[in-house]
């Protein structure tokens, strides 16, 4: 089902339909009320954009959390990465958030990532948990050990598990699924 909070286009289409109906009805209106033909659709369109701007759906919040951690990684900003992780973070290689952050600090203490571009593959969620799979194209800094020892550009597929905690989506697990279309796991990439 279409969610009007995710995109204003359904309400904008409704405003156009209202505009057409009001044009037809304008012939039966007094000249003093014809301003409604232009004002009513404009107010409906303004309401559509206001709803889209002020109401953040779970999908938008989840995508924002994933985009935020990818951007923080691109900026090599470990404290910002920590803000997106839940306190009980764990994955197949890192037993805790602290362990993940130790590796983060080790990887990002010198030039590492030049650019990261994410694309959503799938997103499933309920009211308190979510699972999202993204492909991320990573362009590594030419001086990084990955660019020297492997490739400067890799394509990865990553699964993010998220949970909603006090109205905020936090990442509780990040699993590496593929690197350059080959199955991959955290403990098999030599970190």
N, C-alpha and C. Protein backbone atom coordinates (compact mmCIF):
# COMPACT_ATOMS: atom_id res chain seq x y z
N UNK A 1 0.83 -1.18 0.00
CA UNK A 1 0.00 0.00 0.00
C UNK A 1 0.88 1.25 0.00
N UNK A 2 0.43 2.27 -0.69
CA UNK A 2 1.19 3.51 -0.82
C UNK A 2 1.09 4.30 0.47
N UNK A 3 2.20 4.84 0.91
CA UNK A 3 2.27 5.60 2.15
C UNK A 3 2.47 7.07 1.81
N UNK A 4 1.49 7.91 2.13
CA UNK A 4 1.57 9.33 1.78
C UNK A 4 2.65 10.05 2.56
N UNK A 5 3.15 9.46 3.65
CA UNK A 5 4.21 10.09 4.42
C UNK A 5 5.58 9.89 3.79
N UNK A 6 5.70 8.92 2.89
CA UNK A 6 6.99 8.65 2.26
C UNK A 6 7.21 9.48 1.01
N UNK A 7 6.12 9.88 0.35
CA UNK A 7 6.26 10.66 -0.87
C UNK A 7 5.04 11.57 -1.02
N UNK A 8 5.24 12.81 -1.39
CA UNK A 8 4.11 13.73 -1.50
C UNK A 8 3.31 13.58 -2.80
N UNK A 9 3.73 12.69 -3.69
CA UNK A 9 3.14 12.65 -5.03
C UNK A 9 1.67 12.26 -5.04
N UNK A 10 1.23 11.38 -4.17
CA UNK A 10 -0.19 11.00 -4.15
C UNK A 10 -1.06 12.20 -3.79
N UNK A 11 -0.60 12.98 -2.83
CA UNK A 11 -1.37 14.16 -2.42
C UNK A 11 -1.30 15.23 -3.50
N UNK A 12 -0.19 15.34 -4.20
CA UNK A 12 -0.08 16.31 -5.30
C UNK A 12 -1.03 15.93 -6.43
N UNK A 13 -1.14 14.65 -6.72
CA UNK A 13 -2.10 14.19 -7.74
C UNK A 13 -3.52 14.52 -7.29
N UNK A 14 -3.81 14.32 -6.00
CA UNK A 14 -5.13 14.69 -5.47
C UNK A 14 -5.37 16.19 -5.63
N UNK A 15 -4.34 17.01 -5.42
CA UNK A 15 -4.47 18.46 -5.59
C UNK A 15 -4.78 18.82 -7.03
N UNK A 16 -4.18 18.12 -7.97
CA UNK A 16 -4.47 18.36 -9.39
C UNK A 16 -5.92 18.00 -9.71
N UNK A 17 -6.39 16.89 -9.14
CA UNK A 17 -7.79 16.49 -9.35
C UNK A 17 -8.73 17.53 -8.74
N UNK A 18 -8.39 18.03 -7.55
CA UNK A 18 -9.19 19.09 -6.92
C UNK A 18 -9.18 20.33 -7.81
N UNK A 19 -8.01 20.65 -8.39
CA UNK A 19 -7.89 21.81 -9.29
C UNK A 19 -8.85 21.66 -10.47
N UNK A 20 -8.89 20.49 -11.07
CA UNK A 20 -9.77 20.26 -12.23
C UNK A 20 -11.23 20.39 -11.82
N UNK A 21 -11.57 19.79 -10.67
CA UNK A 21 -12.96 19.88 -10.19
C UNK A 21 -13.33 21.34 -9.92
N UNK A 22 -12.40 22.08 -9.31
CA UNK A 22 -12.69 23.50 -9.03
C UNK A 22 -12.78 24.34 -10.30
N UNK A 23 -12.03 24.01 -11.34
CA UNK A 23 -12.16 24.72 -12.61
C UNK A 23 -13.56 24.52 -13.18
N UNK A 24 -14.01 23.27 -13.08
CA UNK A 24 -15.36 22.97 -13.58
C UNK A 24 -16.40 23.71 -12.73
N UNK A 25 -16.21 23.68 -11.42
CA UNK A 25 -17.16 24.32 -10.51
C UNK A 25 -17.07 25.84 -10.57
N UNK A 26 -15.97 26.38 -11.06
CA UNK A 26 -15.78 27.84 -11.10
C UNK A 26 -16.85 28.52 -11.94
N UNK A 27 -17.36 27.82 -12.92
CA UNK A 27 -18.42 28.39 -13.74
C UNK A 27 -19.69 28.64 -12.95
N UNK A 28 -19.87 27.91 -11.86
CA UNK A 28 -21.07 28.05 -11.04
C UNK A 28 -20.83 28.91 -9.79
N UNK A 29 -19.57 29.36 -9.60
CA UNK A 29 -19.23 30.16 -8.42
C UNK A 29 -19.35 31.64 -8.73
N UNK A 30 -19.58 32.40 -7.68
CA UNK A 30 -19.56 33.85 -7.86
C UNK A 30 -18.10 34.27 -8.08
N UNK A 31 -17.89 35.40 -8.68
CA UNK A 31 -16.54 35.85 -8.98
C UNK A 31 -15.72 36.11 -7.72
N UNK A 32 -16.39 36.34 -6.59
CA UNK A 32 -15.66 36.57 -5.34
C UNK A 32 -15.08 35.29 -4.77
N UNK A 33 -15.56 34.12 -5.16
CA UNK A 33 -15.07 32.85 -4.63
C UNK A 33 -14.13 32.13 -5.60
N UNK A 34 -13.85 32.72 -6.74
CA UNK A 34 -13.00 32.04 -7.72
C UNK A 34 -11.55 31.92 -7.28
N UNK A 35 -11.14 32.69 -6.30
CA UNK A 35 -9.78 32.57 -5.77
C UNK A 35 -9.56 31.18 -5.18
N UNK A 36 -10.65 30.50 -4.78
CA UNK A 36 -10.54 29.14 -4.25
C UNK A 36 -9.97 28.17 -5.28
N UNK A 37 -10.19 28.47 -6.55
CA UNK A 37 -9.69 27.59 -7.62
C UNK A 37 -8.17 27.46 -7.54
N UNK A 38 -7.50 28.51 -7.11
CA UNK A 38 -6.03 28.49 -7.04
C UNK A 38 -5.51 28.24 -5.63
N UNK A 39 -6.22 28.72 -4.64
CA UNK A 39 -5.73 28.61 -3.26
C UNK A 39 -5.87 27.20 -2.72
N UNK A 40 -6.98 26.54 -2.93
CA UNK A 40 -7.20 25.20 -2.36
C UNK A 40 -6.14 24.20 -2.82
N UNK A 41 -5.86 24.08 -4.14
CA UNK A 41 -4.81 23.14 -4.54
C UNK A 41 -3.43 23.53 -4.01
N UNK A 42 -3.15 24.83 -3.95
CA UNK A 42 -1.85 25.27 -3.42
C UNK A 42 -1.71 24.87 -1.95
N UNK A 43 -2.76 25.00 -1.17
CA UNK A 43 -2.73 24.59 0.23
C UNK A 43 -2.56 23.07 0.37
N UNK A 44 -3.20 22.32 -0.50
CA UNK A 44 -3.07 20.86 -0.47
C UNK A 44 -1.64 20.45 -0.81
N UNK A 45 -1.04 21.09 -1.81
CA UNK A 45 0.35 20.78 -2.19
C UNK A 45 1.30 21.18 -1.06
N UNK A 46 1.07 22.32 -0.44
CA UNK A 46 1.91 22.73 0.69
C UNK A 46 1.80 21.72 1.83
N UNK A 47 0.60 21.23 2.09
CA UNK A 47 0.41 20.21 3.14
C UNK A 47 1.14 18.92 2.78
N UNK A 48 1.14 18.55 1.50
CA UNK A 48 1.84 17.34 1.07
C UNK A 48 3.33 17.43 1.36
N UNK A 49 3.93 18.56 1.00
CA UNK A 49 5.36 18.72 1.25
C UNK A 49 5.66 18.85 2.75
N UNK A 50 4.76 19.46 3.50
CA UNK A 50 4.94 19.56 4.95
C UNK A 50 4.90 18.17 5.59
N UNK A 51 3.95 17.34 5.19
CA UNK A 51 3.88 15.97 5.70
C UNK A 51 5.15 15.20 5.37
N UNK A 52 5.60 15.32 4.13
CA UNK A 52 6.81 14.61 3.71
C UNK A 52 8.03 15.08 4.50
N UNK A 53 8.10 16.35 4.79
CA UNK A 53 9.26 16.91 5.48
C UNK A 53 9.24 16.61 6.98
N UNK A 54 8.10 16.78 7.62
CA UNK A 54 8.04 16.69 9.07
C UNK A 54 7.80 15.28 9.61
N UNK A 55 7.16 14.41 8.85
CA UNK A 55 6.88 13.06 9.33
C UNK A 55 7.91 12.11 8.73
N UNK A 56 8.74 11.52 9.59
CA UNK A 56 9.77 10.57 9.15
C UNK A 56 9.28 9.15 9.42
N UNK A 57 9.10 8.38 8.37
CA UNK A 57 8.63 7.01 8.52
C UNK A 57 9.77 6.10 8.95
N UNK A 58 9.43 4.88 9.34
CA UNK A 58 10.46 3.92 9.71
C UNK A 58 11.42 3.67 8.55
N UNK A 59 10.91 3.53 7.33
CA UNK A 59 11.79 3.32 6.17
C UNK A 59 12.79 4.46 6.03
N UNK A 60 12.33 5.68 6.17
CA UNK A 60 13.22 6.84 6.04
C UNK A 60 14.24 6.87 7.17
N UNK A 61 13.83 6.53 8.39
CA UNK A 61 14.76 6.52 9.52
C UNK A 61 15.79 5.41 9.37
N UNK A 62 15.37 4.24 8.89
CA UNK A 62 16.31 3.13 8.68
C UNK A 62 17.32 3.50 7.59
N UNK A 63 16.83 4.01 6.48
CA UNK A 63 17.73 4.43 5.40
C UNK A 63 18.67 5.54 5.86
N UNK A 64 18.18 6.42 6.71
CA UNK A 64 19.01 7.49 7.24
C UNK A 64 20.12 6.95 8.14
N UNK A 65 19.80 5.95 8.95
CA UNK A 65 20.81 5.34 9.82
C UNK A 65 21.90 4.65 9.00
N UNK A 66 21.49 3.91 7.97
CA UNK A 66 22.47 3.22 7.12
C UNK A 66 23.30 4.25 6.34
N UNK A 67 22.63 5.26 5.79
CA UNK A 67 23.36 6.31 5.06
C UNK A 67 24.32 7.03 5.98
N UNK A 68 23.91 7.25 7.22
CA UNK A 68 24.76 7.94 8.18
C UNK A 68 26.01 7.16 8.52
N UNK A 69 25.89 5.85 8.73
CA UNK A 69 27.07 5.07 9.09
C UNK A 69 28.00 4.91 7.89
N UNK A 70 27.42 4.81 6.69
CA UNK A 70 28.26 4.73 5.48
C UNK A 70 29.02 6.05 5.29
N UNK A 71 28.34 7.17 5.48
CA UNK A 71 28.99 8.49 5.35
C UNK A 71 30.06 8.67 6.43
N UNK A 72 29.76 8.23 7.65
CA UNK A 72 30.75 8.34 8.73
C UNK A 72 31.98 7.49 8.40
N UNK A 73 31.77 6.31 7.81
CA UNK A 73 32.90 5.48 7.39
C UNK A 73 33.70 6.15 6.29
N UNK A 74 32.99 6.75 5.34
CA UNK A 74 33.66 7.47 4.25
C UNK A 74 34.49 8.63 4.80
N UNK A 75 33.97 9.28 5.83
CA UNK A 75 34.69 10.41 6.45
C UNK A 75 35.70 9.96 7.49
N UNK A 76 35.81 8.64 7.67
CA UNK A 76 36.75 8.05 8.63
C UNK A 76 36.54 8.62 10.03
N UNK A 77 35.27 8.70 10.42
CA UNK A 77 34.88 9.31 11.68
C UNK A 77 34.34 8.23 12.63
N UNK A 78 35.22 7.63 13.40
CA UNK A 78 34.84 6.54 14.31
C UNK A 78 33.83 6.96 15.37
N UNK A 79 33.95 8.14 16.00
CA UNK A 79 32.92 8.52 16.98
C UNK A 79 31.52 8.61 16.35
N UNK A 80 31.43 9.09 15.12
CA UNK A 80 30.13 9.16 14.45
C UNK A 80 29.61 7.76 14.16
N UNK A 81 30.49 6.83 13.78
CA UNK A 81 30.08 5.45 13.55
C UNK A 81 29.50 4.87 14.83
N UNK A 82 30.15 5.12 15.96
CA UNK A 82 29.69 4.61 17.25
C UNK A 82 28.27 5.09 17.57
N UNK A 83 27.93 6.31 17.15
CA UNK A 83 26.60 6.84 17.43
C UNK A 83 25.49 6.07 16.73
N UNK A 84 25.79 5.40 15.62
CA UNK A 84 24.78 4.66 14.89
C UNK A 84 24.63 3.22 15.38
N UNK A 85 25.56 2.75 16.19
CA UNK A 85 25.54 1.37 16.68
C UNK A 85 24.79 1.28 18.00
N UNK A 86 24.04 0.20 18.17
CA UNK A 86 23.35 -0.02 19.44
C UNK A 86 24.35 -0.46 20.50
N UNK A 87 23.99 -0.29 21.74
CA UNK A 87 24.90 -0.65 22.84
C UNK A 87 25.17 -2.15 22.88
N UNK A 88 24.24 -2.96 22.39
CA UNK A 88 24.43 -4.41 22.39
C UNK A 88 24.84 -4.94 21.01
N UNK A 89 25.55 -4.12 20.24
CA UNK A 89 26.02 -4.51 18.91
C UNK A 89 26.90 -5.76 19.01
N UNK A 90 26.70 -6.68 18.04
CA UNK A 90 27.59 -7.83 17.89
C UNK A 90 27.37 -8.39 16.49
N UNK A 91 28.43 -8.97 15.93
CA UNK A 91 28.32 -9.63 14.64
C UNK A 91 29.15 -10.91 14.67
N UNK A 92 29.32 -11.55 13.53
CA UNK A 92 30.00 -12.85 13.50
C UNK A 92 31.49 -12.77 13.83
N UNK A 93 32.06 -11.58 13.82
CA UNK A 93 33.48 -11.42 14.12
C UNK A 93 33.72 -10.59 15.38
N UNK A 94 32.85 -9.65 15.63
CA UNK A 94 33.00 -8.75 16.77
C UNK A 94 32.00 -9.15 17.86
N UNK A 95 32.52 -9.45 19.04
CA UNK A 95 31.66 -9.89 20.14
C UNK A 95 30.90 -8.73 20.78
N UNK A 96 31.34 -7.51 20.52
CA UNK A 96 30.70 -6.36 21.16
C UNK A 96 30.92 -5.09 20.32
N UNK A 97 30.23 -4.05 20.70
CA UNK A 97 30.42 -2.75 20.08
C UNK A 97 31.85 -2.27 20.29
N UNK A 98 32.39 -2.50 21.47
CA UNK A 98 33.75 -2.08 21.78
C UNK A 98 34.76 -2.76 20.85
N UNK A 99 34.56 -4.04 20.60
CA UNK A 99 35.44 -4.78 19.69
C UNK A 99 35.37 -4.21 18.27
N UNK A 100 34.16 -3.93 17.82
CA UNK A 100 33.98 -3.32 16.50
C UNK A 100 34.68 -1.97 16.43
N UNK A 101 34.52 -1.17 17.48
CA UNK A 101 35.12 0.16 17.49
C UNK A 101 36.65 0.09 17.56
N UNK A 102 37.21 -0.92 18.22
CA UNK A 102 38.67 -1.09 18.21
C UNK A 102 39.16 -1.34 16.79
N UNK A 103 38.47 -2.21 16.06
CA UNK A 103 38.85 -2.45 14.66
C UNK A 103 38.62 -1.21 13.81
N UNK A 104 37.55 -0.50 14.08
CA UNK A 104 37.27 0.74 13.34
C UNK A 104 38.42 1.72 13.52
N UNK A 105 38.85 1.91 14.75
CA UNK A 105 39.96 2.83 15.01
C UNK A 105 41.25 2.36 14.35
N UNK A 106 41.46 1.05 14.30
CA UNK A 106 42.66 0.50 13.66
C UNK A 106 42.62 0.74 12.15
N UNK A 107 41.46 0.51 11.52
CA UNK A 107 41.35 0.67 10.07
C UNK A 107 41.39 2.13 9.65
N UNK A 108 40.73 2.97 10.42
CA UNK A 108 40.53 4.35 9.98
C UNK A 108 41.52 5.34 10.58
N UNK A 109 42.62 4.86 11.13
CA UNK A 109 43.58 5.79 11.71
C UNK A 109 44.50 6.42 10.66
N UNK A 110 44.45 5.92 9.45
CA UNK A 110 45.19 6.51 8.33
C UNK A 110 44.25 6.56 7.13
N UNK A 111 44.61 7.26 6.06
CA UNK A 111 43.68 7.34 4.91
C UNK A 111 43.22 5.95 4.47
N UNK A 112 41.92 5.79 4.35
CA UNK A 112 41.38 4.46 4.06
C UNK A 112 40.33 4.52 2.95
N UNK A 113 39.23 5.23 3.17
CA UNK A 113 38.13 5.27 2.20
C UNK A 113 38.07 6.64 1.56
N UNK A 114 38.02 6.65 0.23
CA UNK A 114 37.87 7.91 -0.48
C UNK A 114 36.40 8.21 -0.75
N UNK A 115 35.63 7.19 -1.14
CA UNK A 115 34.22 7.38 -1.48
C UNK A 115 33.48 6.06 -1.28
N UNK A 116 32.25 6.14 -0.78
CA UNK A 116 31.39 4.96 -0.62
C UNK A 116 30.01 5.31 -1.14
N UNK A 117 29.49 4.47 -2.03
CA UNK A 117 28.18 4.70 -2.61
C UNK A 117 27.31 3.49 -2.30
N UNK A 118 26.16 3.71 -1.66
CA UNK A 118 25.29 2.61 -1.25
C UNK A 118 24.05 2.55 -2.13
N UNK A 119 23.55 1.34 -2.30
CA UNK A 119 22.29 1.09 -3.02
C UNK A 119 21.51 0.06 -2.22
N UNK A 120 20.24 0.37 -1.97
CA UNK A 120 19.40 -0.56 -1.21
C UNK A 120 18.98 -1.73 -2.08
N UNK A 121 19.15 -2.93 -1.56
CA UNK A 121 18.71 -4.15 -2.25
C UNK A 121 17.38 -4.60 -1.69
N UNK A 122 17.28 -4.67 -0.36
CA UNK A 122 16.03 -5.07 0.27
C UNK A 122 15.93 -4.44 1.66
N UNK A 123 14.69 -4.31 2.11
CA UNK A 123 14.43 -3.78 3.44
C UNK A 123 13.15 -4.42 3.96
N UNK A 124 13.27 -5.08 5.10
CA UNK A 124 12.10 -5.66 5.76
C UNK A 124 12.13 -5.18 7.21
N UNK A 125 10.96 -4.77 7.71
CA UNK A 125 10.94 -4.34 9.11
C UNK A 125 9.56 -4.52 9.70
N UNK A 126 9.54 -4.60 11.01
CA UNK A 126 8.30 -4.50 11.76
C UNK A 126 8.45 -3.28 12.67
N UNK A 127 7.67 -3.22 13.72
CA UNK A 127 7.69 -2.01 14.54
C UNK A 127 8.95 -1.84 15.37
N UNK A 128 9.73 -2.92 15.58
CA UNK A 128 10.89 -2.79 16.46
C UNK A 128 12.20 -3.34 15.90
N UNK A 129 12.17 -4.02 14.77
CA UNK A 129 13.42 -4.55 14.20
C UNK A 129 13.36 -4.47 12.68
N UNK A 130 14.55 -4.45 12.09
CA UNK A 130 14.63 -4.33 10.63
C UNK A 130 15.85 -5.08 10.13
N UNK A 131 15.76 -5.53 8.89
CA UNK A 131 16.88 -6.15 8.20
C UNK A 131 16.97 -5.50 6.83
N UNK A 132 18.14 -4.95 6.53
CA UNK A 132 18.32 -4.25 5.26
C UNK A 132 19.59 -4.76 4.60
N UNK A 133 19.51 -5.02 3.30
CA UNK A 133 20.67 -5.45 2.53
C UNK A 133 20.99 -4.34 1.53
N UNK A 134 22.25 -3.95 1.52
CA UNK A 134 22.73 -2.89 0.64
C UNK A 134 23.95 -3.38 -0.12
N UNK A 135 24.10 -2.88 -1.33
CA UNK A 135 25.38 -3.01 -2.01
C UNK A 135 26.10 -1.69 -1.78
N UNK A 136 27.39 -1.78 -1.52
CA UNK A 136 28.18 -0.58 -1.29
C UNK A 136 29.42 -0.66 -2.18
N UNK A 137 29.55 0.32 -3.07
CA UNK A 137 30.77 0.44 -3.88
C UNK A 137 31.72 1.32 -3.12
N UNK A 138 32.89 0.76 -2.80
CA UNK A 138 33.86 1.49 -2.00
C UNK A 138 35.09 1.79 -2.85
N UNK A 139 35.43 3.06 -2.94
CA UNK A 139 36.66 3.50 -3.58
C UNK A 139 37.64 3.80 -2.46
N UNK A 140 38.67 2.98 -2.35
CA UNK A 140 39.64 3.15 -1.28
C UNK A 140 40.67 4.19 -1.65
N UNK A 141 41.20 4.84 -0.64
CA UNK A 141 42.28 5.80 -0.83
C UNK A 141 43.44 5.06 -1.49
N UNK A 142 44.08 5.70 -2.46
CA UNK A 142 45.15 5.03 -3.21
C UNK A 142 46.32 4.60 -2.34
N UNK A 143 46.46 5.22 -1.15
CA UNK A 143 47.53 4.86 -0.24
C UNK A 143 47.12 3.84 0.82
N UNK A 144 45.86 3.39 0.79
CA UNK A 144 45.40 2.44 1.81
C UNK A 144 45.95 1.04 1.51
N UNK A 145 45.98 0.21 2.55
CA UNK A 145 46.49 -1.14 2.37
C UNK A 145 45.58 -1.97 1.46
N UNK A 146 44.27 -1.67 1.42
CA UNK A 146 43.36 -2.41 0.54
C UNK A 146 43.68 -2.11 -0.91
N UNK A 147 43.90 -0.84 -1.25
CA UNK A 147 44.24 -0.46 -2.62
C UNK A 147 45.59 -1.04 -3.03
N UNK A 148 46.53 -1.09 -2.11
CA UNK A 148 47.86 -1.64 -2.42
C UNK A 148 47.83 -3.16 -2.59
N UNK A 149 47.08 -3.84 -1.69
CA UNK A 149 47.12 -5.30 -1.66
C UNK A 149 46.01 -5.99 -2.45
N UNK A 150 44.93 -5.27 -2.76
CA UNK A 150 43.79 -5.92 -3.43
C UNK A 150 43.34 -5.10 -4.63
N UNK A 151 42.39 -4.23 -4.45
CA UNK A 151 41.87 -3.34 -5.50
C UNK A 151 41.57 -1.99 -4.87
N UNK A 152 41.57 -0.98 -5.70
CA UNK A 152 41.17 0.33 -5.19
C UNK A 152 39.65 0.42 -5.08
N UNK A 153 38.92 -0.31 -5.93
CA UNK A 153 37.46 -0.30 -5.89
C UNK A 153 36.96 -1.71 -5.61
N UNK A 154 36.06 -1.83 -4.65
CA UNK A 154 35.41 -3.11 -4.42
C UNK A 154 33.90 -2.89 -4.36
N UNK A 155 33.19 -3.93 -4.70
CA UNK A 155 31.73 -3.94 -4.58
C UNK A 155 31.40 -4.92 -3.47
N UNK A 156 30.71 -4.45 -2.47
CA UNK A 156 30.38 -5.32 -1.36
C UNK A 156 28.86 -5.38 -1.18
N UNK A 157 28.42 -6.47 -0.60
CA UNK A 157 27.02 -6.62 -0.22
C UNK A 157 27.01 -6.82 1.28
N UNK A 158 26.23 -6.00 1.97
CA UNK A 158 26.24 -5.97 3.43
C UNK A 158 24.81 -6.03 3.96
N UNK A 159 24.63 -6.83 5.02
CA UNK A 159 23.33 -6.89 5.69
C UNK A 159 23.43 -6.12 7.01
N UNK A 160 22.50 -5.21 7.20
CA UNK A 160 22.40 -4.43 8.42
C UNK A 160 21.18 -4.90 9.19
N UNK A 161 21.37 -5.26 10.44
CA UNK A 161 20.24 -5.56 11.33
C UNK A 161 20.08 -4.35 12.23
N UNK A 162 18.86 -3.87 12.36
CA UNK A 162 18.60 -2.68 13.17
C UNK A 162 17.50 -2.97 14.18
N UNK A 163 17.52 -2.23 15.27
CA UNK A 163 16.43 -2.31 16.24
C UNK A 163 16.05 -0.90 16.66
N UNK A 164 14.78 -0.75 16.95
CA UNK A 164 14.27 0.55 17.37
C UNK A 164 14.37 0.65 18.87
N UNK A 165 15.08 1.67 19.33
CA UNK A 165 15.25 1.90 20.75
C UNK A 165 14.88 3.35 21.04
N UNK A 166 13.85 3.54 21.80
CA UNK A 166 13.34 4.87 22.16
C UNK A 166 13.21 5.77 20.93
N UNK A 167 12.44 5.30 19.97
CA UNK A 167 12.10 6.04 18.74
C UNK A 167 13.29 6.32 17.82
N UNK A 168 14.42 5.64 18.03
CA UNK A 168 15.58 5.81 17.16
C UNK A 168 16.03 4.44 16.69
N UNK A 169 16.33 4.33 15.39
CA UNK A 169 16.81 3.07 14.84
C UNK A 169 18.33 3.01 15.01
N UNK A 170 18.81 1.93 15.66
CA UNK A 170 20.24 1.72 15.86
C UNK A 170 20.64 0.41 15.19
N UNK A 171 21.87 0.37 14.71
CA UNK A 171 22.37 -0.81 14.03
C UNK A 171 22.89 -1.79 15.08
N UNK A 172 22.32 -2.99 15.09
CA UNK A 172 22.71 -3.99 16.08
C UNK A 172 23.64 -5.05 15.51
N UNK A 173 23.74 -5.11 14.18
CA UNK A 173 24.62 -6.10 13.56
C UNK A 173 24.90 -5.67 12.12
N UNK A 174 26.14 -5.83 11.70
CA UNK A 174 26.53 -5.60 10.31
C UNK A 174 27.24 -6.87 9.86
N UNK A 175 26.73 -7.51 8.83
CA UNK A 175 27.36 -8.73 8.30
C UNK A 175 27.77 -8.52 6.85
N UNK A 176 28.99 -8.87 6.58
CA UNK A 176 29.53 -8.82 5.23
C UNK A 176 29.05 -10.06 4.50
N UNK A 177 28.38 -9.89 3.35
CA UNK A 177 27.85 -11.02 2.60
C UNK A 177 28.68 -11.35 1.37
N UNK A 178 29.13 -10.32 0.66
CA UNK A 178 29.89 -10.53 -0.58
C UNK A 178 30.93 -9.42 -0.75
N UNK A 179 32.02 -9.79 -1.41
CA UNK A 179 32.99 -8.81 -1.91
C UNK A 179 33.24 -9.17 -3.36
N UNK A 180 33.03 -8.21 -4.24
CA UNK A 180 33.18 -8.42 -5.69
C UNK A 180 32.45 -9.67 -6.16
N UNK A 181 31.20 -9.81 -5.70
CA UNK A 181 30.29 -10.88 -6.09
C UNK A 181 30.76 -12.28 -5.65
N UNK A 182 31.64 -12.34 -4.68
CA UNK A 182 32.08 -13.60 -4.10
C UNK A 182 31.65 -13.64 -2.64
N UNK A 183 31.19 -14.78 -2.15
CA UNK A 183 30.79 -14.85 -0.74
C UNK A 183 31.94 -14.41 0.16
N UNK A 184 31.58 -13.68 1.22
CA UNK A 184 32.60 -13.17 2.13
C UNK A 184 32.05 -13.13 3.54
N UNK A 185 32.96 -13.19 4.50
CA UNK A 185 32.62 -13.07 5.91
C UNK A 185 33.69 -12.19 6.57
N UNK A 186 33.34 -11.59 7.70
CA UNK A 186 34.28 -10.75 8.40
C UNK A 186 35.60 -11.48 8.69
N UNK A 187 35.49 -12.71 9.20
CA UNK A 187 36.72 -13.40 9.64
C UNK A 187 37.54 -13.98 8.50
N UNK A 188 37.08 -13.84 7.26
CA UNK A 188 37.81 -14.38 6.12
C UNK A 188 38.44 -13.31 5.23
N UNK A 189 38.40 -12.05 5.69
CA UNK A 189 38.95 -10.99 4.84
C UNK A 189 40.27 -10.45 5.36
N UNK A 190 40.82 -11.08 6.34
CA UNK A 190 42.15 -10.70 6.81
C UNK A 190 42.23 -9.40 7.54
N UNK A 191 41.24 -9.14 8.42
CA UNK A 191 41.29 -7.90 9.18
C UNK A 191 41.92 -8.10 10.53
